[in-house]
């Protein structure tokens, strides 16, 4: 054998030896140790090892693996497996997350409780406002009723004691007071009274003094009258009756034309002692 042939045989034998050491056979794979790692990191390591990770959790679905951590794997870490074998990764929520969830739940419950208390307080305040408004309305009604009663009592108190004792109505009392003022028994007696000025309103033609209300009378005159005569007659009635019939407030003069003219006590200057 020559040196050249020997070199070729040696190279061939070395090649057989290298192939027999494992260059053609797959080395066994093992499950990596991912205990305690976040779910997404564990998944990446298992995929890098040539295996198929399956993330699972007992209590709920895993939506964000980064929020979970590895509790165990099946098969366990270090177990030899075939390439692309499935590795079940059991995940749990970290204690800190559970505490955060509990805190969030507690905060939500407290917020709901506070909202309920606020609503209850608002309802109580609204009820209190409604009751206060009702009480105010009741007091206003009572005050109005009291004012009306006081006004009615005041009107009754304005009736003089003479009217209560005599029992006559306003027209009768005005008639009596006017006749006493003229010092006659009837208005027709004024025609024969010495010194009576016929240029004055026709008092002698008064036929009746009618009660219209507790403060108003109508004087019926059986002659036609001018406006000045109507006004003068109204003034004289107030002046002659003011002491005996102080509640007289309005005199309505009515002549044969049927026309009424109203005269108020506030329109005239009263005689001394009538204010």
C-alpha atoms as a PDB file:
ATOM      1  CA  UNK A   1       0.000   0.000   0.000  1.00  0.00           C
ATOM      2  CA  UNK A   2       1.320   3.300  -0.949  1.00  0.00           C
ATOM      3  CA  UNK A   3       1.244   6.438   1.160  1.00  0.00           C
ATOM      4  CA  UNK A   4      -1.350   7.969  -1.113  1.00  0.00           C
ATOM      5  CA  UNK A   5      -3.752   5.027  -0.643  1.00  0.00           C
ATOM      6  CA  UNK A   6      -3.253   5.090   3.088  1.00  0.00           C
ATOM      7  CA  UNK A   7      -4.254   8.773   3.324  1.00  0.00           C
ATOM      8  CA  UNK A   8      -7.499   8.094   1.492  1.00  0.00           C
ATOM      9  CA  UNK A   9      -8.391   5.186   3.783  1.00  0.00           C
ATOM     10  CA  UNK A  10      -7.711   7.298   6.853  1.00  0.00           C
ATOM     11  CA  UNK A  11      -9.929  10.115   5.738  1.00  0.00           C
ATOM     12  CA  UNK A  12     -12.758   7.658   4.989  1.00  0.00           C
ATOM     13  CA  UNK A  13     -12.472   6.039   8.414  1.00  0.00           C
ATOM     14  CA  UNK A  14     -12.535   9.474  10.140  1.00  0.00           C
ATOM     15  CA  UNK A  15     -15.725  10.356   8.287  1.00  0.00           C
ATOM     16  CA  UNK A  16     -17.415   7.127   9.471  1.00  0.00           C
ATOM     17  CA  UNK A  17     -16.367   7.853  13.027  1.00  0.00           C
ATOM     18  CA  UNK A  18     -17.882  11.413  12.977  1.00  0.00           C
ATOM     19  CA  UNK A  19     -21.193  10.188  11.607  1.00  0.00           C
ATOM     20  CA  UNK A  20     -21.431   7.498  14.231  1.00  0.00           C
ATOM     21  CA  UNK A  21     -21.095  10.063  17.062  1.00  0.00           C
ATOM     22  CA  UNK A  22     -24.666  11.449  16.500  1.00  0.00           C
ATOM     23  CA  UNK A  23     -24.539  13.821  13.643  1.00  0.00           C
ATOM     24  CA  UNK A  24     -27.516  12.062  11.974  1.00  0.00           C
ATOM     25  CA  UNK A  25     -29.673  11.351  15.020  1.00  0.00           C
ATOM     26  CA  UNK A  26     -31.862  13.983  16.912  1.00  0.00           C
ATOM     27  CA  UNK A  27     -30.847  14.809  20.453  1.00  0.00           C
ATOM     28  CA  UNK A  28     -33.724  14.375  23.045  1.00  0.00           C
ATOM     29  CA  UNK A  29     -35.641  17.549  24.082  1.00  0.00           C
ATOM     30  CA  UNK A  30     -36.550  18.417  27.693  1.00  0.00           C
ATOM     31  CA  UNK A  31     -39.328  20.644  29.082  1.00  0.00           C
ATOM     32  CA  UNK A  32     -37.758  23.923  30.216  1.00  0.00           C
ATOM     33  CA  UNK A  33     -38.215  25.124  33.781  1.00  0.00           C
ATOM     34  CA  UNK A  34     -40.632  28.070  33.610  1.00  0.00           C
ATOM     35  CA  UNK A  35     -42.071  27.931  37.140  1.00  0.00           C
ATOM     36  CA  UNK A  36     -43.053  31.369  38.485  1.00  0.00           C
ATOM     37  CA  UNK A  37     -42.512  33.122  35.164  1.00  0.00           C
ATOM     38  CA  UNK A  38     -45.196  35.333  33.584  1.00  0.00           C
ATOM     39  CA  UNK A  39     -47.361  33.395  31.152  1.00  0.00           C
ATOM     40  CA  UNK A  40     -46.115  35.184  28.055  1.00  0.00           C
ATOM     41  CA  UNK A  41     -42.434  34.588  28.919  1.00  0.00           C
ATOM     42  CA  UNK A  42     -43.085  30.908  29.665  1.00  0.00           C
ATOM     43  CA  UNK A  43     -44.853  30.534  26.352  1.00  0.00           C
ATOM     44  CA  UNK A  44     -41.936  32.067  24.465  1.00  0.00           C
ATOM     45  CA  UNK A  45     -39.354  29.787  26.187  1.00  0.00           C
ATOM     46  CA  UNK A  46     -41.370  26.649  25.488  1.00  0.00           C
ATOM     47  CA  UNK A  47     -41.806  27.633  21.851  1.00  0.00           C
ATOM     48  CA  UNK A  48     -38.058  28.346  21.626  1.00  0.00           C
ATOM     49  CA  UNK A  49     -37.434  24.798  22.913  1.00  0.00           C
ATOM     50  CA  UNK A  50     -39.375  23.441  19.930  1.00  0.00           C
ATOM     51  CA  UNK A  51     -42.462  22.511  21.885  1.00  0.00           C
ATOM     52  CA  UNK A  52     -46.118  23.622  21.692  1.00  0.00           C
ATOM     53  CA  UNK A  53     -47.297  25.549  24.814  1.00  0.00           C
ATOM     54  CA  UNK A  54     -50.953  25.468  25.907  1.00  0.00           C
ATOM     55  CA  UNK A  55     -51.826  28.096  28.527  1.00  0.00           C
ATOM     56  CA  UNK A  56     -54.592  27.105  30.917  1.00  0.00           C
ATOM     57  CA  UNK A  57     -56.082  28.365  34.171  1.00  0.00           C
ATOM     58  CA  UNK A  58     -58.568  26.664  36.459  1.00  0.00           C
ATOM     59  CA  UNK A  59     -60.780  29.582  37.453  1.00  0.00           C
ATOM     60  CA  UNK A  60     -61.139  31.586  34.225  1.00  0.00           C
ATOM     61  CA  UNK A  61     -59.898  32.177  30.697  1.00  0.00           C
ATOM     62  CA  UNK A  62     -56.442  33.588  30.096  1.00  0.00           C
ATOM     63  CA  UNK A  63     -56.724  36.789  28.111  1.00  0.00           C
ATOM     64  CA  UNK A  64     -53.515  38.536  29.076  1.00  0.00           C
ATOM     65  CA  UNK A  65     -50.821  35.931  29.885  1.00  0.00           C
ATOM     66  CA  UNK A  66     -48.513  38.648  31.201  1.00  0.00           C
ATOM     67  CA  UNK A  67     -50.891  39.116  34.140  1.00  0.00           C
ATOM     68  CA  UNK A  68     -50.572  35.432  35.118  1.00  0.00           C
ATOM     69  CA  UNK A  69     -47.689  33.329  36.379  1.00  0.00           C
ATOM     70  CA  UNK A  70     -46.745  29.637  35.929  1.00  0.00           C
ATOM     71  CA  UNK A  71     -47.787  27.315  38.739  1.00  0.00           C
ATOM     72  CA  UNK A  72     -46.762  24.039  36.978  1.00  0.00           C
ATOM     73  CA  UNK A  73     -46.325  22.367  33.621  1.00  0.00           C
ATOM     74  CA  UNK A  74     -47.445  19.024  32.221  1.00  0.00           C
ATOM     75  CA  UNK A  75     -45.032  17.340  31.518  1.00  0.00           C
ATOM     76  CA  UNK A  76     -42.930  18.751  34.344  1.00  0.00           C
ATOM     77  CA  UNK A  77     -39.666  20.593  33.837  1.00  0.00           C
ATOM     78  CA  UNK A  78     -36.742  18.330  32.793  1.00  0.00           C
ATOM     79  CA  UNK A  79     -38.922  15.581  31.276  1.00  0.00           C
ATOM     80  CA  UNK A  80     -37.722  14.400  27.869  1.00  0.00           C
ATOM     81  CA  UNK A  81     -40.254  14.945  25.094  1.00  0.00           C
ATOM     82  CA  UNK A  82     -40.440  14.851  21.351  1.00  0.00           C
ATOM     83  CA  UNK A  83     -40.186  17.941  19.188  1.00  0.00           C
ATOM     84  CA  UNK A  84     -43.471  19.860  18.910  1.00  0.00           C
ATOM     85  CA  UNK A  85     -45.015  17.910  21.792  1.00  0.00           C
ATOM     86  CA  UNK A  86     -47.688  19.855  23.687  1.00  0.00           C
ATOM     87  CA  UNK A  87     -46.756  21.255  27.074  1.00  0.00           C
ATOM     88  CA  UNK A  88     -49.696  22.329  29.238  1.00  0.00           C
ATOM     89  CA  UNK A  89     -48.805  25.428  31.225  1.00  0.00           C
ATOM     90  CA  UNK A  90     -50.989  25.858  34.320  1.00  0.00           C
ATOM     91  CA  UNK A  91     -51.312  29.516  35.244  1.00  0.00           C
ATOM     92  CA  UNK A  92     -52.535  31.332  38.346  1.00  0.00           C
ATOM     93  CA  UNK A  93     -53.152  34.969  39.092  1.00  0.00           C
ATOM     94  CA  UNK A  94     -50.445  36.496  41.270  1.00  0.00           C
ATOM     95  CA  UNK A  95     -51.428  37.276  44.850  1.00  0.00           C
ATOM     96  CA  UNK A  96     -50.816  40.958  44.206  1.00  0.00           C
ATOM     97  CA  UNK A  97     -53.368  40.910  41.386  1.00  0.00           C
ATOM     98  CA  UNK A  98     -55.873  39.113  43.589  1.00  0.00           C
ATOM     99  CA  UNK A  99     -55.381  41.743  46.260  1.00  0.00           C
ATOM    100  CA  UNK A 100     -55.824  44.440  43.628  1.00  0.00           C
ATOM    101  CA  UNK A 101     -59.002  42.774  42.410  1.00  0.00           C
ATOM    102  CA  UNK A 102     -60.272  42.559  45.970  1.00  0.00           C
ATOM    103  CA  UNK A 103     -59.400  46.188  46.556  1.00  0.00           C
ATOM    104  CA  UNK A 104     -61.129  47.181  43.338  1.00  0.00           C
ATOM    105  CA  UNK A 105     -64.189  45.150  44.310  1.00  0.00           C
ATOM    106  CA  UNK A 106     -64.211  46.708  47.753  1.00  0.00           C
ATOM    107  CA  UNK A 107     -63.837  50.190  46.269  1.00  0.00           C
ATOM    108  CA  UNK A 108     -66.696  49.523  43.874  1.00  0.00           C
ATOM    109  CA  UNK A 109     -68.911  48.298  46.714  1.00  0.00           C
ATOM    110  CA  UNK A 110     -68.017  51.351  48.775  1.00  0.00           C
ATOM    111  CA  UNK A 111     -68.809  53.601  45.807  1.00  0.00           C
ATOM    112  CA  UNK A 112     -72.180  51.892  45.349  1.00  0.00           C
ATOM    113  CA  UNK A 113     -72.901  52.258  49.061  1.00  0.00           C
ATOM    114  CA  UNK A 114     -71.931  55.938  48.970  1.00  0.00           C
ATOM    115  CA  UNK A 115     -74.139  56.504  45.925  1.00  0.00           C
ATOM    116  CA  UNK A 116     -77.041  54.862  47.714  1.00  0.00           C
ATOM    117  CA  UNK A 117     -76.439  56.988  50.802  1.00  0.00           C
ATOM    118  CA  UNK A 118     -76.201  60.135  48.670  1.00  0.00           C
ATOM    119  CA  UNK A 119     -79.455  59.270  46.896  1.00  0.00           C
ATOM    120  CA  UNK A 120     -81.138  58.602  50.222  1.00  0.00           C
ATOM    121  CA  UNK A 121     -79.857  61.905  51.618  1.00  0.00           C
ATOM    122  CA  UNK A 122     -81.030  63.769  48.516  1.00  0.00           C
ATOM    123  CA  UNK A 123     -84.472  62.158  48.778  1.00  0.00           C
ATOM    124  CA  UNK A 124     -84.663  63.119  52.460  1.00  0.00           C
ATOM    125  CA  UNK A 125     -83.692  66.719  51.662  1.00  0.00           C
ATOM    126  CA  UNK A 126     -86.263  66.863  48.865  1.00  0.00           C
ATOM    127  CA  UNK A 127     -88.933  65.578  51.237  1.00  0.00           C
ATOM    128  CA  UNK A 128     -87.888  68.148  53.814  1.00  0.00           C
ATOM    129  CA  UNK A 129     -88.082  70.940  51.228  1.00  0.00           C
ATOM    130  CA  UNK A 130     -91.535  69.788  50.125  1.00  0.00           C
ATOM    131  CA  UNK A 131     -92.740  69.694  53.726  1.00  0.00           C
ATOM    132  CA  UNK A 132     -91.301  73.170  54.352  1.00  0.00           C
ATOM    133  CA  UNK A 133     -93.049  74.540  51.257  1.00  0.00           C
ATOM    134  CA  UNK A 134     -96.318  72.911  52.330  1.00  0.00           C
ATOM    135  CA  UNK A 135     -95.963  74.404  55.808  1.00  0.00           C
ATOM    136  CA  UNK A 136     -95.206  77.818  54.327  1.00  0.00           C
ATOM    137  CA  UNK A 137     -98.282  77.576  52.098  1.00  0.00           C
ATOM    138  CA  UNK A 138    -100.403  76.561  55.100  1.00  0.00           C
ATOM    139  CA  UNK A 139     -99.133  79.508  57.128  1.00  0.00           C
ATOM    140  CA  UNK A 140     -99.784  81.849  54.200  1.00  0.00           C
ATOM    141  CA  UNK A 141    -103.379  80.591  53.995  1.00  0.00           C
ATOM    142  CA  UNK A 142    -103.814  81.038  57.730  1.00  0.00           C
ATOM    143  CA  UNK A 143    -102.404  84.569  57.569  1.00  0.00           C
ATOM    144  CA  UNK A 144    -104.723  85.423  54.666  1.00  0.00           C
ATOM    145  CA  UNK A 145    -107.701  84.027  56.569  1.00  0.00           C
ATOM    146  CA  UNK A 146    -106.687  85.923  59.694  1.00  0.00           C
ATOM    147  CA  UNK A 147    -106.261  89.142  57.699  1.00  0.00           C
ATOM    148  CA  UNK A 148    -109.667  88.665  56.117  1.00  0.00           C
ATOM    149  CA  UNK A 149    -111.228  87.996  59.505  1.00  0.00           C
ATOM    150  CA  UNK A 150    -109.507  91.068  60.951  1.00  0.00           C
ATOM    151  CA  UNK A 151    -110.765  93.196  58.059  1.00  0.00           C
ATOM    152  CA  UNK A 152    -114.282  91.906  58.555  1.00  0.00           C
ATOM    153  CA  UNK A 153    -114.049  92.604  62.265  1.00  0.00           C
ATOM    154  CA  UNK A 154    -112.770  96.094  61.529  1.00  0.00           C
ATOM    155  CA  UNK A 155    -115.755  96.738  59.255  1.00  0.00           C
ATOM    156  CA  UNK A 156    -118.056  95.551  62.001  1.00  0.00           C
ATOM    157  CA  UNK A 157    -116.272  97.704  64.555  1.00  0.00           C
ATOM    158  CA  UNK A 158    -116.772 100.785  62.368  1.00  0.00           C
ATOM    159  CA  UNK A 159    -120.523 100.500  62.836  1.00  0.00           C
ATOM    160  CA  UNK A 160    -121.317 103.021  65.580  1.00  0.00           C
ATOM    161  CA  UNK A 161    -122.905 102.019  68.836  1.00  0.00           C
ATOM    162  CA  UNK A 162    -125.979 104.100  67.974  1.00  0.00           C
ATOM    163  CA  UNK A 163    -126.692 101.891  64.958  1.00  0.00           C
ATOM    164  CA  UNK A 164    -126.398  98.786  67.105  1.00  0.00           C
ATOM    165  CA  UNK A 165    -128.751 100.231  69.703  1.00  0.00           C
ATOM    166  CA  UNK A 166    -131.273 101.692  67.241  1.00  0.00           C
ATOM    167  CA  UNK A 167    -131.157  98.740  64.924  1.00  0.00           C
ATOM    168  CA  UNK A 168    -131.894 101.015  61.898  1.00  0.00           C
ATOM    169  CA  UNK A 169    -130.235 100.578  58.511  1.00  0.00           C
ATOM    170  CA  UNK A 170    -127.819 103.083  56.981  1.00  0.00           C
ATOM    171  CA  UNK A 171    -130.379 104.878  54.811  1.00  0.00           C
ATOM    172  CA  UNK A 172    -132.703 105.470  57.750  1.00  0.00           C
ATOM    173  CA  UNK A 173    -129.913 106.776  59.940  1.00  0.00           C
ATOM    174  CA  UNK A 174    -128.632 109.119  57.201  1.00  0.00           C
ATOM    175  CA  UNK A 175    -132.193 110.403  56.698  1.00  0.00           C
ATOM    176  CA  UNK A 176    -132.642 111.098  60.403  1.00  0.00           C
ATOM    177  CA  UNK A 177    -129.253 112.799  60.692  1.00  0.00           C
ATOM    178  CA  UNK A 178    -129.919 114.973  57.612  1.00  0.00           C
ATOM    179  CA  UNK A 179    -133.356 116.060  58.853  1.00  0.00           C
ATOM    180  CA  UNK A 180    -131.891 116.973  62.222  1.00  0.00           C
ATOM    181  CA  UNK A 181    -129.200 118.945  60.420  1.00  0.00           C
ATOM    182  CA  UNK A 182    -131.848 120.861  58.476  1.00  0.00           C
ATOM    183  CA  UNK A 183    -134.050 121.066  61.625  1.00  0.00           C
ATOM    184  CA  UNK A 184    -137.132 119.818  59.781  1.00  0.00           C
ATOM    185  CA  UNK A 185    -139.394 116.788  60.075  1.00  0.00           C
ATOM    186  CA  UNK A 186    -139.329 116.018  56.345  1.00  0.00           C
ATOM    187  CA  UNK A 187    -137.479 117.254  53.316  1.00  0.00           C
ATOM    188  CA  UNK A 188    -140.638 118.876  51.920  1.00  0.00           C
ATOM    189  CA  UNK A 189    -140.641 121.102  54.989  1.00  0.00           C
ATOM    190  CA  UNK A 190    -137.667 122.905  53.527  1.00  0.00           C
ATOM    191  CA  UNK A 191    -140.005 124.681  51.076  1.00  0.00           C
ATOM    192  CA  UNK A 192    -141.679 126.644  53.836  1.00  0.00           C
ATOM    193  CA  UNK A 193    -138.553 127.200  55.912  1.00  0.00           C
ATOM    194  CA  UNK A 194    -137.777 130.897  56.247  1.00  0.00           C
ATOM    195  CA  UNK A 195    -134.628 131.922  54.543  1.00  0.00           C
ATOM    196  CA  UNK A 196    -134.267 128.773  52.439  1.00  0.00           C
ATOM    197  CA  UNK A 197    -132.310 129.599  49.299  1.00  0.00           C
ATOM    198  CA  UNK A 198    -133.988 128.030  46.267  1.00  0.00           C
ATOM    199  CA  UNK A 199    -130.696 128.336  44.375  1.00  0.00           C
ATOM    200  CA  UNK A 200    -129.388 125.471  46.489  1.00  0.00           C
ATOM    201  CA  UNK A 201    -129.907 121.850  45.390  1.00  0.00           C
ATOM    202  CA  UNK A 202    -133.565 120.768  45.718  1.00  0.00           C
ATOM    203  CA  UNK A 203    -133.345 119.044  49.085  1.00  0.00           C
ATOM    204  CA  UNK A 204    -137.097 119.510  49.416  1.00  0.00           C
ATOM    205  CA  UNK A 205    -137.556 117.126  46.466  1.00  0.00           C
ATOM    206  CA  UNK A 206    -135.785 114.211  48.195  1.00  0.00           C
ATOM    207  CA  UNK A 207    -138.239 111.287  48.236  1.00  0.00           C
ATOM    208  CA  UNK A 208    -136.104 108.514  49.716  1.00  0.00           C
ATOM    209  CA  UNK A 209    -132.617 107.638  50.928  1.00  0.00           C
ATOM    210  CA  UNK A 210    -131.907 104.025  50.023  1.00  0.00           C
ATOM    211  CA  UNK A 211    -129.274 101.775  51.615  1.00  0.00           C
ATOM    212  CA  UNK A 212    -126.919 100.373  48.997  1.00  0.00           C
ATOM    213  CA  UNK A 213    -124.264  98.822  51.261  1.00  0.00           C
ATOM    214  CA  UNK A 214    -122.853  99.238  54.748  1.00  0.00           C
ATOM    215  CA  UNK A 215    -121.139 102.475  53.612  1.00  0.00           C
ATOM    216  CA  UNK A 216    -123.196 103.694  50.623  1.00  0.00           C
ATOM    217  CA  UNK A 217    -126.650 105.305  50.223  1.00  0.00           C
ATOM    218  CA  UNK A 218    -128.617 106.480  47.180  1.00  0.00           C
ATOM    219  CA  UNK A 219    -130.552 109.740  47.471  1.00  0.00           C
ATOM    220  CA  UNK A 220    -133.614 109.842  45.203  1.00  0.00           C
ATOM    221  CA  UNK A 221    -134.567 113.367  44.079  1.00  0.00           C
ATOM    222  CA  UNK A 222    -137.837 114.106  42.260  1.00  0.00           C
ATOM    223  CA  UNK A 223    -136.416 116.908  40.122  1.00  0.00           C
ATOM    224  CA  UNK A 224    -133.790 117.276  37.439  1.00  0.00           C
ATOM    225  CA  UNK A 225    -130.407 118.449  38.724  1.00  0.00           C
ATOM    226  CA  UNK A 226    -127.252 120.038  37.367  1.00  0.00           C
ATOM    227  CA  UNK A 227    -123.851 118.480  38.001  1.00  0.00           C
ATOM    228  CA  UNK A 228    -122.966 121.282  40.435  1.00  0.00           C
ATOM    229  CA  UNK A 229    -126.148 120.603  42.400  1.00  0.00           C
ATOM    230  CA  UNK A 230    -125.377 116.893  42.589  1.00  0.00           C
ATOM    231  CA  UNK A 231    -121.897 117.592  43.904  1.00  0.00           C
ATOM    232  CA  UNK A 232    -123.156 120.123  46.453  1.00  0.00           C
ATOM    233  CA  UNK A 233    -125.842 117.721  47.679  1.00  0.00           C
ATOM    234  CA  UNK A 234    -123.250 114.995  48.144  1.00  0.00           C
ATOM    235  CA  UNK A 235    -120.999 117.362  50.128  1.00  0.00           C
ATOM    236  CA  UNK A 236    -123.857 118.502  52.386  1.00  0.00           C
ATOM    237  CA  UNK A 237    -124.877 114.925  53.214  1.00  0.00           C
ATOM    238  CA  UNK A 238    -121.334 114.073  54.320  1.00  0.00           C
ATOM    239  CA  UNK A 239    -121.026 117.212  56.422  1.00  0.00           C
ATOM    240  CA  UNK A 240    -124.419 116.904  58.099  1.00  0.00           C
ATOM    241  CA  UNK A 241    -124.121 113.172  58.928  1.00  0.00           C
ATOM    242  CA  UNK A 242    -120.424 112.707  59.602  1.00  0.00           C
ATOM    243  CA  UNK A 243    -120.748 112.798  63.406  1.00  0.00           C
ATOM    244  CA  UNK A 244    -123.725 110.453  63.642  1.00  0.00           C
ATOM    245  CA  UNK A 245    -122.984 108.217  60.647  1.00  0.00           C
ATOM    246  CA  UNK A 246    -119.175 108.185  60.329  1.00  0.00           C
ATOM    247  CA  UNK A 247    -119.157 105.017  58.233  1.00  0.00           C
ATOM    248  CA  UNK A 248    -120.927 106.782  55.348  1.00  0.00           C
ATOM    249  CA  UNK A 249    -118.392 106.738  52.531  1.00  0.00           C
ATOM    250  CA  UNK A 250    -120.357 107.189  49.286  1.00  0.00           C
ATOM    251  CA  UNK A 251    -123.498 109.142  48.384  1.00  0.00           C
ATOM    252  CA  UNK A 252    -125.168 108.307  45.069  1.00  0.00           C
ATOM    253  CA  UNK A 253    -127.456 111.105  43.849  1.00  0.00           C
ATOM    254  CA  UNK A 254    -130.276 109.957  41.552  1.00  0.00           C
ATOM    255  CA  UNK A 255    -132.676 112.461  39.938  1.00  0.00           C
ATOM    256  CA  UNK A 256    -135.776 112.072  37.736  1.00  0.00           C
ATOM    257  CA  UNK A 257    -133.584 111.416  34.711  1.00  0.00           C
ATOM    258  CA  UNK A 258    -132.535 108.157  36.349  1.00  0.00           C
ATOM    259  CA  UNK A 259    -128.898 109.167  36.195  1.00  0.00           C
ATOM    260  CA  UNK A 260    -126.628 108.242  39.135  1.00  0.00           C
ATOM    261  CA  UNK A 261    -123.672 110.329  40.208  1.00  0.00           C
ATOM    262  CA  UNK A 262    -121.309 108.974  42.845  1.00  0.00           C
ATOM    263  CA  UNK A 263    -119.700 111.209  45.452  1.00  0.00           C
ATOM    264  CA  UNK A 264    -117.047 109.978  47.871  1.00  0.00           C
ATOM    265  CA  UNK A 265    -116.253 111.389  51.293  1.00  0.00           C
ATOM    266  CA  UNK A 266    -112.617 111.732  50.255  1.00  0.00           C
ATOM    267  CA  UNK A 267    -113.559 114.287  47.585  1.00  0.00           C
ATOM    268  CA  UNK A 268    -114.681 116.994  49.978  1.00  0.00           C
ATOM    269  CA  UNK A 269    -113.390 119.115  52.799  1.00  0.00           C
ATOM    270  CA  UNK A 270    -115.419 118.113  55.815  1.00  0.00           C
ATOM    271  CA  UNK A 271    -116.754 120.411  58.469  1.00  0.00           C
ATOM    272  CA  UNK A 272    -114.710 120.823  61.659  1.00  0.00           C
ATOM    273  CA  UNK A 273    -115.068 117.806  63.920  1.00  0.00           C
ATOM    274  CA  UNK A 274    -115.900 115.415  61.075  1.00  0.00           C
ATOM    275  CA  UNK A 275    -112.351 114.204  60.451  1.00  0.00           C
END
